[in-house]
Amino acid sequence: MKNGCITIDNTDMYYVSFGTGERRLVVLPGLSDGLATVKEKALLLASPYRKFFRDYTVYMFSRKNDMPEGYSIRDMADDQVRVMKDLGIHQAYILGVSQGGMIAQYMAIDHPEMVARLILAVTAPNANPVVQENAFAWIDMAKRGDHTALMVDSAEKMYSEKYLQRVRKYYHLLAGFTKPRTYDRFLKNVHAILDFDCRGELPKISCPTLIIAGSDDHTVGNEAAFELNRAISDSELYVYEGLGHGAFEEAKDFYDRVLEFCDR
């Protein structure tokens, strides 16, 4: 396992890697990366990918540390490709979760030679009304510095009721441990989401694509996955009934499903 850091544009980008296989799986996390990066978390993040270790080397990247004003999802995709090339990764299987899935869409659109297969998990092709409502609420909470409200709101919209019944009692404890020193990164990530819309370019995605969603997603909405599936010609859709935006954490077979798709 490795905790890594690479320089890009006079700043740094953190990543972790695990596994020893020749194939490359690149994982792009969601908006939570705006609050806490993957720095020094290889051991913590590796467990769900243990079945990949023999045939794949898995990389999980944060966004770069110093993001300029107006930094867009497309900019994030371009920077991600630059960093991959610097690390000697010239083609990979790309797993993008939530905002990471938005970045992954532009990687497949603008840099198709880099993407062998694409997995889009609990994501959307644009800032639809559900995304916008959440984003504006989270911007307000972040600007007020109300981290507990931000964490509670995002969790309540992310997980199933069964899961929430187990974790609600820990909200205030977790909020104390996860509050960042500044919300600058978070706010720049949220504003990038609000400006995101690649619906007109989705037909350019030509690689095999797996779209995974929950049937009750209060974060990006339930229609987003179907919209992606209709627009991407070589795509298939799997929906977890009864789960929402946290399907990638709650569904026990999520990573088995990703592995099976990559191994085809």
C-alpha atoms as a PDB file:
ATOM      1  CA  MET A   1       0.000   0.000   0.000  1.00  0.00           C
ATOM      2  CA  LYS A   2       1.180   3.486  -0.755  1.00  0.00           C
ATOM      3  CA  ASN A   3       0.308   6.994   0.391  1.00  0.00           C
ATOM      4  CA  GLY A   4       1.403   9.219  -2.458  1.00  0.00           C
ATOM      5  CA  CYS A   5       1.595  12.867  -3.473  1.00  0.00           C
ATOM      6  CA  ILE A   6       2.313  14.365  -6.881  1.00  0.00           C
ATOM      7  CA  THR A   7       2.993  17.968  -7.868  1.00  0.00           C
ATOM      8  CA  ILE A   8       0.721  19.723 -10.350  1.00  0.00           C
ATOM      9  CA  ASP A   9       0.592  23.445 -11.147  1.00  0.00           C
ATOM     10  CA  ASN A  10       2.594  24.538  -8.080  1.00  0.00           C
ATOM     11  CA  THR A  11       0.356  22.557  -5.737  1.00  0.00           C
ATOM     12  CA  ASP A  12      -0.064  18.927  -4.697  1.00  0.00           C
ATOM     13  CA  MET A  13      -2.521  16.135  -5.356  1.00  0.00           C
ATOM     14  CA  TYR A  14      -2.768  13.289  -2.850  1.00  0.00           C
ATOM     15  CA  TYR A  15      -3.465   9.715  -3.807  1.00  0.00           C
ATOM     16  CA  VAL A  16      -3.356   6.252  -2.302  1.00  0.00           C
ATOM     17  CA  SER A  17      -2.708   2.972  -4.064  1.00  0.00           C
ATOM     18  CA  PHE A  18      -2.992  -0.703  -3.209  1.00  0.00           C
ATOM     19  CA  GLY A  19      -2.689  -4.015  -5.033  1.00  0.00           C
ATOM     20  CA  THR A  20      -0.041  -5.468  -7.318  1.00  0.00           C
ATOM     21  CA  GLY A  21      -1.887  -6.275 -10.545  1.00  0.00           C
ATOM     22  CA  GLU A  22      -1.008  -5.056 -14.029  1.00  0.00           C
ATOM     23  CA  ARG A  23      -4.444  -3.551 -14.675  1.00  0.00           C
ATOM     24  CA  ARG A  24      -5.168  -0.097 -13.287  1.00  0.00           C
ATOM     25  CA  LEU A  25      -8.372   0.907 -11.518  1.00  0.00           C
ATOM     26  CA  VAL A  26      -8.657   4.635 -10.816  1.00  0.00           C
ATOM     27  CA  VAL A  27     -11.225   5.668  -8.207  1.00  0.00           C
ATOM     28  CA  LEU A  28     -12.536   9.236  -7.991  1.00  0.00           C
ATOM     29  CA  PRO A  29     -14.431  10.007  -4.757  1.00  0.00           C
ATOM     30  CA  GLY A  30     -17.365  12.358  -4.316  1.00  0.00           C
ATOM     31  CA  LEU A  31     -17.905  15.743  -2.742  1.00  0.00           C
ATOM     32  CA  SER A  32     -16.623  14.549   0.639  1.00  0.00           C
ATOM     33  CA  ASP A  33     -13.154  14.992  -0.854  1.00  0.00           C
ATOM     34  CA  GLY A  34     -13.741  18.715  -0.485  1.00  0.00           C
ATOM     35  CA  LEU A  35     -13.806  18.236   3.285  1.00  0.00           C
ATOM     36  CA  ALA A  36     -11.070  15.620   3.739  1.00  0.00           C
ATOM     37  CA  THR A  37      -8.573  14.272   1.216  1.00  0.00           C
ATOM     38  CA  VAL A  38      -7.193  10.730   0.969  1.00  0.00           C
ATOM     39  CA  LYS A  39      -3.874  11.846   2.473  1.00  0.00           C
ATOM     40  CA  GLU A  40      -2.277   9.045   4.576  1.00  0.00           C
ATOM     41  CA  LYS A  41      -5.453   6.911   4.386  1.00  0.00           C
ATOM     42  CA  ALA A  42      -4.308   3.970   2.246  1.00  0.00           C
ATOM     43  CA  LEU A  43      -4.836   1.433   5.013  1.00  0.00           C
ATOM     44  CA  LEU A  44      -8.255   2.848   5.871  1.00  0.00           C
ATOM     45  CA  LEU A  45      -9.493   2.915   2.269  1.00  0.00           C
ATOM     46  CA  ALA A  46      -8.091  -0.372   0.953  1.00  0.00           C
ATOM     47  CA  SER A  47     -10.487  -2.911   2.460  1.00  0.00           C
ATOM     48  CA  PRO A  48     -13.380  -2.738  -0.051  1.00  0.00           C
ATOM     49  CA  TYR A  49     -10.920  -3.377  -2.903  1.00  0.00           C
ATOM     50  CA  ARG A  50      -9.147  -6.446  -1.507  1.00  0.00           C
ATOM     51  CA  LYS A  51     -10.565  -8.716  -4.243  1.00  0.00           C
ATOM     52  CA  PHE A  52      -8.906  -6.450  -6.816  1.00  0.00           C
ATOM     53  CA  PHE A  53      -5.414  -6.721  -5.352  1.00  0.00           C
ATOM     54  CA  ARG A  54      -4.146  -9.688  -7.390  1.00  0.00           C
ATOM     55  CA  ASP A  55      -5.054  -8.460 -10.877  1.00  0.00           C
ATOM     56  CA  TYR A  56      -5.287  -4.701 -10.344  1.00  0.00           C
ATOM     57  CA  THR A  57      -3.402  -1.834  -8.847  1.00  0.00           C
ATOM     58  CA  VAL A  58      -6.031   0.488  -7.430  1.00  0.00           C
ATOM     59  CA  TYR A  59      -5.444   4.240  -7.236  1.00  0.00           C
ATOM     60  CA  MET A  60      -7.736   6.639  -5.396  1.00  0.00           C
ATOM     61  CA  PHE A  61      -7.138  10.334  -6.048  1.00  0.00           C
ATOM     62  CA  SER A  62      -8.157  13.512  -4.301  1.00  0.00           C
ATOM     63  CA  ARG A  63      -8.618  16.735  -6.216  1.00  0.00           C
ATOM     64  CA  LYS A  64      -5.542  18.957  -6.168  1.00  0.00           C
ATOM     65  CA  ASN A  65      -5.061  20.922  -2.966  1.00  0.00           C
ATOM     66  CA  ASP A  66      -5.037  24.491  -4.284  1.00  0.00           C
ATOM     67  CA  MET A  67      -7.974  24.926  -6.657  1.00  0.00           C
ATOM     68  CA  PRO A  68      -8.331  28.264  -8.474  1.00  0.00           C
ATOM     69  CA  GLU A  69     -11.560  30.237  -8.560  1.00  0.00           C
ATOM     70  CA  GLY A  70     -13.849  28.944 -11.278  1.00  0.00           C
ATOM     71  CA  TYR A  71     -12.201  25.522 -11.281  1.00  0.00           C
ATOM     72  CA  SER A  72     -14.611  23.349 -13.253  1.00  0.00           C
ATOM     73  CA  ILE A  73     -15.455  19.654 -13.434  1.00  0.00           C
ATOM     74  CA  ARG A  74     -13.852  19.595 -16.870  1.00  0.00           C
ATOM     75  CA  ASP A  75     -10.690  21.171 -15.435  1.00  0.00           C
ATOM     76  CA  MET A  76     -10.660  18.451 -12.772  1.00  0.00           C
ATOM     77  CA  ALA A  77     -10.884  15.789 -15.482  1.00  0.00           C
ATOM     78  CA  ASP A  78      -8.008  17.323 -17.447  1.00  0.00           C
ATOM     79  CA  ASP A  79      -5.845  17.541 -14.332  1.00  0.00           C
ATOM     80  CA  GLN A  80      -6.688  13.959 -13.410  1.00  0.00           C
ATOM     81  CA  VAL A  81      -5.462  12.753 -16.801  1.00  0.00           C
ATOM     82  CA  ARG A  82      -2.253  14.776 -16.491  1.00  0.00           C
ATOM     83  CA  VAL A  83      -1.483  13.251 -13.110  1.00  0.00           C
ATOM     84  CA  MET A  84      -2.239   9.736 -14.325  1.00  0.00           C
ATOM     85  CA  LYS A  85       0.189  10.164 -17.209  1.00  0.00           C
ATOM     86  CA  ASP A  86       2.838  11.496 -14.830  1.00  0.00           C
ATOM     87  CA  LEU A  87       2.414   8.297 -12.813  1.00  0.00           C
ATOM     88  CA  GLY A  88       2.754   6.145 -15.920  1.00  0.00           C
ATOM     89  CA  ILE A  89      -0.953   5.282 -16.125  1.00  0.00           C
ATOM     90  CA  HIS A  90      -1.878   5.521 -19.802  1.00  0.00           C
ATOM     91  CA  GLN A  91      -5.154   3.640 -19.669  1.00  0.00           C
ATOM     92  CA  ALA A  92      -7.316   2.596 -16.736  1.00  0.00           C
ATOM     93  CA  TYR A  93     -10.675   1.387 -15.571  1.00  0.00           C
ATOM     94  CA  ILE A  94     -12.335   4.459 -14.069  1.00  0.00           C
ATOM     95  CA  LEU A  95     -14.751   4.294 -11.124  1.00  0.00           C
ATOM     96  CA  GLY A  96     -16.326   7.676 -10.408  1.00  0.00           C
ATOM     97  CA  VAL A  97     -18.604   8.071  -7.400  1.00  0.00           C
ATOM     98  CA  SER A  98     -21.044  11.004  -7.231  1.00  0.00           C
ATOM     99  CA  GLN A  99     -18.979  14.118  -8.082  1.00  0.00           C
ATOM    100  CA  GLY A 100     -16.189  11.736  -9.053  1.00  0.00           C
ATOM    101  CA  GLY A 101     -18.593  10.300 -11.621  1.00  0.00           C
ATOM    102  CA  MET A 102     -19.047  13.759 -13.098  1.00  0.00           C
ATOM    103  CA  ILE A 103     -15.277  14.068 -13.487  1.00  0.00           C
ATOM    104  CA  ALA A 104     -15.141  10.574 -14.977  1.00  0.00           C
ATOM    105  CA  GLN A 105     -17.721  11.513 -17.626  1.00  0.00           C
ATOM    106  CA  TYR A 106     -15.500  14.290 -18.929  1.00  0.00           C
ATOM    107  CA  MET A 107     -12.468  11.999 -18.838  1.00  0.00           C
ATOM    108  CA  ALA A 108     -14.293   9.564 -21.129  1.00  0.00           C
ATOM    109  CA  ILE A 109     -15.536  12.410 -23.367  1.00  0.00           C
ATOM    110  CA  ASP A 110     -12.272  14.366 -23.738  1.00  0.00           C
ATOM    111  CA  HIS A 111      -9.680  11.617 -23.219  1.00  0.00           C
ATOM    112  CA  PRO A 112     -11.239   8.375 -24.505  1.00  0.00           C
ATOM    113  CA  GLU A 113      -7.850   6.742 -24.981  1.00  0.00           C
ATOM    114  CA  MET A 114      -7.348   6.862 -21.198  1.00  0.00           C
ATOM    115  CA  VAL A 115     -10.552   5.018 -20.267  1.00  0.00           C
ATOM    116  CA  ALA A 116     -10.780   1.266 -20.842  1.00  0.00           C
ATOM    117  CA  ARG A 117     -14.081   0.888 -19.003  1.00  0.00           C
ATOM    118  CA  LEU A 118     -16.194   3.377 -17.095  1.00  0.00           C
ATOM    119  CA  ILE A 119     -18.199   2.850 -13.913  1.00  0.00           C
ATOM    120  CA  LEU A 120     -20.498   5.717 -12.955  1.00  0.00           C
ATOM    121  CA  ALA A 121     -21.886   5.290  -9.444  1.00  0.00           C
ATOM    122  CA  VAL A 122     -24.687   7.408  -7.928  1.00  0.00           C
ATOM    123  CA  THR A 123     -23.949  10.341 -10.212  1.00  0.00           C
ATOM    124  CA  ALA A 124     -25.670  12.644 -12.686  1.00  0.00           C
ATOM    125  CA  PRO A 125     -24.960  14.198 -16.093  1.00  0.00           C
ATOM    126  CA  ASN A 126     -25.781  17.724 -14.893  1.00  0.00           C
ATOM    127  CA  ALA A 127     -26.766  19.838 -11.922  1.00  0.00           C
ATOM    128  CA  ASN A 128     -30.427  18.918 -12.057  1.00  0.00           C
ATOM    129  CA  PRO A 129     -32.987  20.513  -9.685  1.00  0.00           C
ATOM    130  CA  VAL A 130     -32.342  17.937  -6.935  1.00  0.00           C
ATOM    131  CA  VAL A 131     -28.590  18.536  -7.129  1.00  0.00           C
ATOM    132  CA  GLN A 132     -29.071  22.299  -7.136  1.00  0.00           C
ATOM    133  CA  GLU A 133     -31.351  22.308  -4.108  1.00  0.00           C
ATOM    134  CA  ASN A 134     -28.850  20.275  -2.107  1.00  0.00           C
ATOM    135  CA  ALA A 135     -25.851  22.253  -3.297  1.00  0.00           C
ATOM    136  CA  PHE A 136     -27.305  25.641  -2.361  1.00  0.00           C
ATOM    137  CA  ALA A 137     -28.307  24.326   1.069  1.00  0.00           C
ATOM    138  CA  TRP A 138     -24.811  22.938   1.688  1.00  0.00           C
ATOM    139  CA  ILE A 139     -23.203  26.193   0.564  1.00  0.00           C
ATOM    140  CA  ASP A 140     -25.290  28.051   3.132  1.00  0.00           C
ATOM    141  CA  MET A 141     -24.363  25.599   5.922  1.00  0.00           C
ATOM    142  CA  ALA A 142     -20.672  25.763   5.038  1.00  0.00           C
ATOM    143  CA  LYS A 143     -20.639  29.557   4.953  1.00  0.00           C
ATOM    144  CA  ARG A 144     -22.283  29.574   8.396  1.00  0.00           C
ATOM    145  CA  GLY A 145     -19.694  27.051   9.615  1.00  0.00           C
ATOM    146  CA  ASP A 146     -22.488  24.749  10.784  1.00  0.00           C
ATOM    147  CA  HIS A 147     -20.686  21.467  10.235  1.00  0.00           C
ATOM    148  CA  THR A 148     -23.152  19.396  12.239  1.00  0.00           C
ATOM    149  CA  ALA A 149     -26.031  20.596  10.068  1.00  0.00           C
ATOM    150  CA  LEU A 150     -24.004  19.899   6.919  1.00  0.00           C
ATOM    151  CA  MET A 151     -23.114  16.388   8.004  1.00  0.00           C
ATOM    152  CA  VAL A 152     -26.623  15.530   9.209  1.00  0.00           C
ATOM    153  CA  ASP A 153     -28.307  16.848   6.072  1.00  0.00           C
ATOM    154  CA  SER A 154     -25.968  15.005   3.712  1.00  0.00           C
ATOM    155  CA  ALA A 155     -26.249  11.755   5.695  1.00  0.00           C
ATOM    156  CA  GLU A 156     -30.049  11.884   5.905  1.00  0.00           C
ATOM    157  CA  LYS A 157     -30.214  12.303   2.124  1.00  0.00           C
ATOM    158  CA  MET A 158     -27.586   9.656   1.432  1.00  0.00           C
ATOM    159  CA  TYR A 159     -28.434   6.525   3.411  1.00  0.00           C
ATOM    160  CA  SER A 160     -31.380   4.183   3.851  1.00  0.00           C
ATOM    161  CA  GLU A 161     -33.515   4.445   6.982  1.00  0.00           C
ATOM    162  CA  LYS A 162     -32.206   1.085   8.185  1.00  0.00           C
ATOM    163  CA  TYR A 163     -28.628   2.347   8.018  1.00  0.00           C
ATOM    164  CA  LEU A 164     -29.492   5.707   9.560  1.00  0.00           C
ATOM    165  CA  GLN A 165     -31.063   4.065  12.592  1.00  0.00           C
ATOM    166  CA  ARG A 166     -27.618   2.692  13.458  1.00  0.00           C
ATOM    167  CA  VAL A 167     -25.618   5.883  12.959  1.00  0.00           C
ATOM    168  CA  ARG A 168     -27.803   8.822  13.986  1.00  0.00           C
ATOM    169  CA  LYS A 169     -26.647   8.674  17.605  1.00  0.00           C
ATOM    170  CA  TYR A 170     -23.071   9.334  16.437  1.00  0.00           C
ATOM    171  CA  TYR A 171     -23.779  12.487  14.411  1.00  0.00           C
ATOM    172  CA  HIS A 172     -22.450  15.028  16.911  1.00  0.00           C
ATOM    173  CA  LEU A 173     -19.391  12.917  17.723  1.00  0.00           C
ATOM    174  CA  LEU A 174     -18.521  12.502  14.056  1.00  0.00           C
ATOM    175  CA  ALA A 175     -19.069  16.173  13.348  1.00  0.00           C
ATOM    176  CA  GLY A 176     -16.441  17.075  15.906  1.00  0.00           C
ATOM    177  CA  PHE A 177     -13.856  14.834  14.244  1.00  0.00           C
ATOM    178  CA  THR A 178     -14.571  15.765  10.640  1.00  0.00           C
ATOM    179  CA  LYS A 179     -14.877  19.553  10.660  1.00  0.00           C
ATOM    180  CA  PRO A 180     -12.235  21.052   8.337  1.00  0.00           C
ATOM    181  CA  ARG A 181     -10.128  24.107   9.131  1.00  0.00           C
ATOM    182  CA  THR A 182     -11.651  25.896   6.145  1.00  0.00           C
ATOM    183  CA  TYR A 183     -14.494  25.212   3.732  1.00  0.00           C
ATOM    184  CA  ASP A 184     -12.667  26.740   0.755  1.00  0.00           C
ATOM    185  CA  ARG A 185     -12.068  23.401  -1.025  1.00  0.00           C
ATOM    186  CA  PHE A 186     -15.576  22.227  -0.299  1.00  0.00           C
ATOM    187  CA  LEU A 187     -17.171  25.388  -1.669  1.00  0.00           C
ATOM    188  CA  LYS A 188     -15.092  25.310  -4.851  1.00  0.00           C
ATOM    189  CA  ASN A 189     -16.125  21.703  -5.416  1.00  0.00           C
ATOM    190  CA  VAL A 190     -19.802  22.542  -4.867  1.00  0.00           C
ATOM    191  CA  HIS A 191     -19.694  25.492  -7.253  1.00  0.00           C
ATOM    192  CA  ALA A 192     -18.067  23.255  -9.870  1.00  0.00           C
ATOM    193  CA  ILE A 193     -21.009  20.872  -9.545  1.00  0.00           C
ATOM    194  CA  LEU A 194     -23.508  23.715  -9.986  1.00  0.00           C
ATOM    195  CA  ASP A 195     -21.858  24.661 -13.297  1.00  0.00           C
ATOM    196  CA  PHE A 196     -21.680  21.069 -14.561  1.00  0.00           C
ATOM    197  CA  ASP A 197     -23.681  19.901 -17.589  1.00  0.00           C
ATOM    198  CA  CYS A 198     -22.326  17.396 -20.091  1.00  0.00           C
ATOM    199  CA  ARG A 199     -25.664  16.018 -21.336  1.00  0.00           C
ATOM    200  CA  GLY A 200     -25.049  17.175 -24.910  1.00  0.00           C
ATOM    201  CA  GLU A 201     -21.711  15.350 -25.044  1.00  0.00           C
ATOM    202  CA  LEU A 202     -22.645  12.023 -23.451  1.00  0.00           C
ATOM    203  CA  PRO A 203     -23.013  10.293 -26.859  1.00  0.00           C
ATOM    204  CA  LYS A 204     -19.251  10.813 -27.292  1.00  0.00           C
ATOM    205  CA  ILE A 205     -18.614   8.223 -24.560  1.00  0.00           C
ATOM    206  CA  SER A 206     -17.738   5.072 -26.492  1.00  0.00           C
ATOM    207  CA  CYS A 207     -16.216   2.757 -23.888  1.00  0.00           C
ATOM    208  CA  PRO A 208     -18.241   0.051 -22.105  1.00  0.00           C
ATOM    209  CA  THR A 209     -20.001   1.771 -19.209  1.00  0.00           C
ATOM    210  CA  LEU A 210     -21.681   0.467 -16.078  1.00  0.00           C
ATOM    211  CA  ILE A 211     -24.084   2.833 -14.322  1.00  0.00           C
ATOM    212  CA  ILE A 212     -24.990   1.999 -10.711  1.00  0.00           C
ATOM    213  CA  ALA A 213     -27.696   3.807  -8.771  1.00  0.00           C
ATOM    214  CA  GLY A 214     -30.063   3.519  -5.854  1.00  0.00           C
ATOM    215  CA  SER A 215     -33.818   3.621  -6.340  1.00  0.00           C
ATOM    216  CA  ASP A 216     -34.219   6.314  -3.671  1.00  0.00           C
ATOM    217  CA  ASP A 217     -31.454   8.840  -4.280  1.00  0.00           C
ATOM    218  CA  HIS A 218     -32.209  12.159  -2.586  1.00  0.00           C
ATOM    219  CA  THR A 219     -28.806  13.607  -3.496  1.00  0.00           C
ATOM    220  CA  VAL A 220     -28.759  13.470  -7.311  1.00  0.00           C
ATOM    221  CA  GLY A 221     -32.338  12.328  -7.951  1.00  0.00           C
ATOM    222  CA  ASN A 222     -33.734   9.091  -9.301  1.00  0.00           C
ATOM    223  CA  GLU A 223     -33.888  10.087 -12.968  1.00  0.00           C
ATOM    224  CA  ALA A 224     -30.165  10.864 -13.353  1.00  0.00           C
ATOM    225  CA  ALA A 225     -29.004   7.267 -13.838  1.00  0.00           C
ATOM    226  CA  PHE A 226     -31.664   6.577 -16.469  1.00  0.00           C
ATOM    227  CA  GLU A 227     -30.656   9.736 -18.325  1.00  0.00           C
ATOM    228  CA  LEU A 228     -27.046   8.546 -18.408  1.00  0.00           C
ATOM    229  CA  ASN A 229     -28.116   5.095 -19.587  1.00  0.00           C
ATOM    230  CA  ARG A 230     -30.201   6.499 -22.446  1.00  0.00           C
ATOM    231  CA  ALA A 231     -27.434   8.809 -23.678  1.00  0.00           C
ATOM    232  CA  ILE A 232     -24.416   6.458 -23.440  1.00  0.00           C
ATOM    233  CA  SER A 233     -24.816   3.868 -26.171  1.00  0.00           C
ATOM    234  CA  ASP A 234     -22.629   1.088 -24.769  1.00  0.00           C
ATOM    235  CA  SER A 235     -23.964   1.276 -21.221  1.00  0.00           C
ATOM    236  CA  GLU A 236     -25.854  -0.900 -18.800  1.00  0.00           C
ATOM    237  CA  LEU A 237     -27.724   0.152 -15.679  1.00  0.00           C
ATOM    238  CA  TYR A 238     -28.112  -1.546 -12.327  1.00  0.00           C
ATOM    239  CA  VAL A 239     -30.371  -0.049  -9.663  1.00  0.00           C
ATOM    240  CA  TYR A 240     -30.308  -1.115  -6.013  1.00  0.00           C
ATOM    241  CA  GLU A 241     -33.899  -1.165  -4.843  1.00  0.00           C
ATOM    242  CA  GLY A 242     -34.439   0.509  -1.490  1.00  0.00           C
ATOM    243  CA  LEU A 243     -31.021   2.163  -1.382  1.00  0.00           C
ATOM    244  CA  GLY A 244     -30.058   5.717  -2.143  1.00  0.00           C
ATOM    245  CA  HIS A 245     -26.915   7.755  -2.739  1.00  0.00           C
ATOM    246  CA  GLY A 246     -24.980   5.616  -0.272  1.00  0.00           C
ATOM    247  CA  ALA A 247     -25.492   2.417  -2.284  1.00  0.00           C
ATOM    248  CA  PHE A 248     -21.743   2.125  -2.825  1.00  0.00           C
ATOM    249  CA  GLU A 249     -21.334   1.815   0.959  1.00  0.00           C
ATOM    250  CA  GLU A 250     -24.498  -0.083   1.859  1.00  0.00           C
ATOM    251  CA  ALA A 251     -24.758  -2.696  -0.913  1.00  0.00           C
ATOM    252  CA  LYS A 252     -22.658  -5.710   0.068  1.00  0.00           C
ATOM    253  CA  ASP A 253     -22.082  -6.732  -3.554  1.00  0.00           C
ATOM    254  CA  PHE A 254     -21.233  -3.273  -4.924  1.00  0.00           C
ATOM    255  CA  TYR A 255     -17.509  -3.930  -5.356  1.00  0.00           C
ATOM    256  CA  ASP A 256     -18.132  -7.478  -6.597  1.00  0.00           C
ATOM    257  CA  ARG A 257     -20.336  -5.964  -9.294  1.00  0.00           C
ATOM    258  CA  VAL A 258     -17.620  -3.472 -10.241  1.00  0.00           C
ATOM    259  CA  LEU A 259     -14.995  -6.239 -10.362  1.00  0.00           C
ATOM    260  CA  GLU A 260     -17.159  -8.490 -12.528  1.00  0.00           C
ATOM    261  CA  PHE A 261     -17.689  -5.640 -15.000  1.00  0.00           C
ATOM    262  CA  CYS A 262     -13.968  -4.844 -15.150  1.00  0.00           C
ATOM    263  CA  ASP A 263     -13.037  -8.515 -15.598  1.00  0.00           C
ATOM    264  CA  ARG A 264     -15.257  -9.132 -18.616  1.00  0.00           C
END
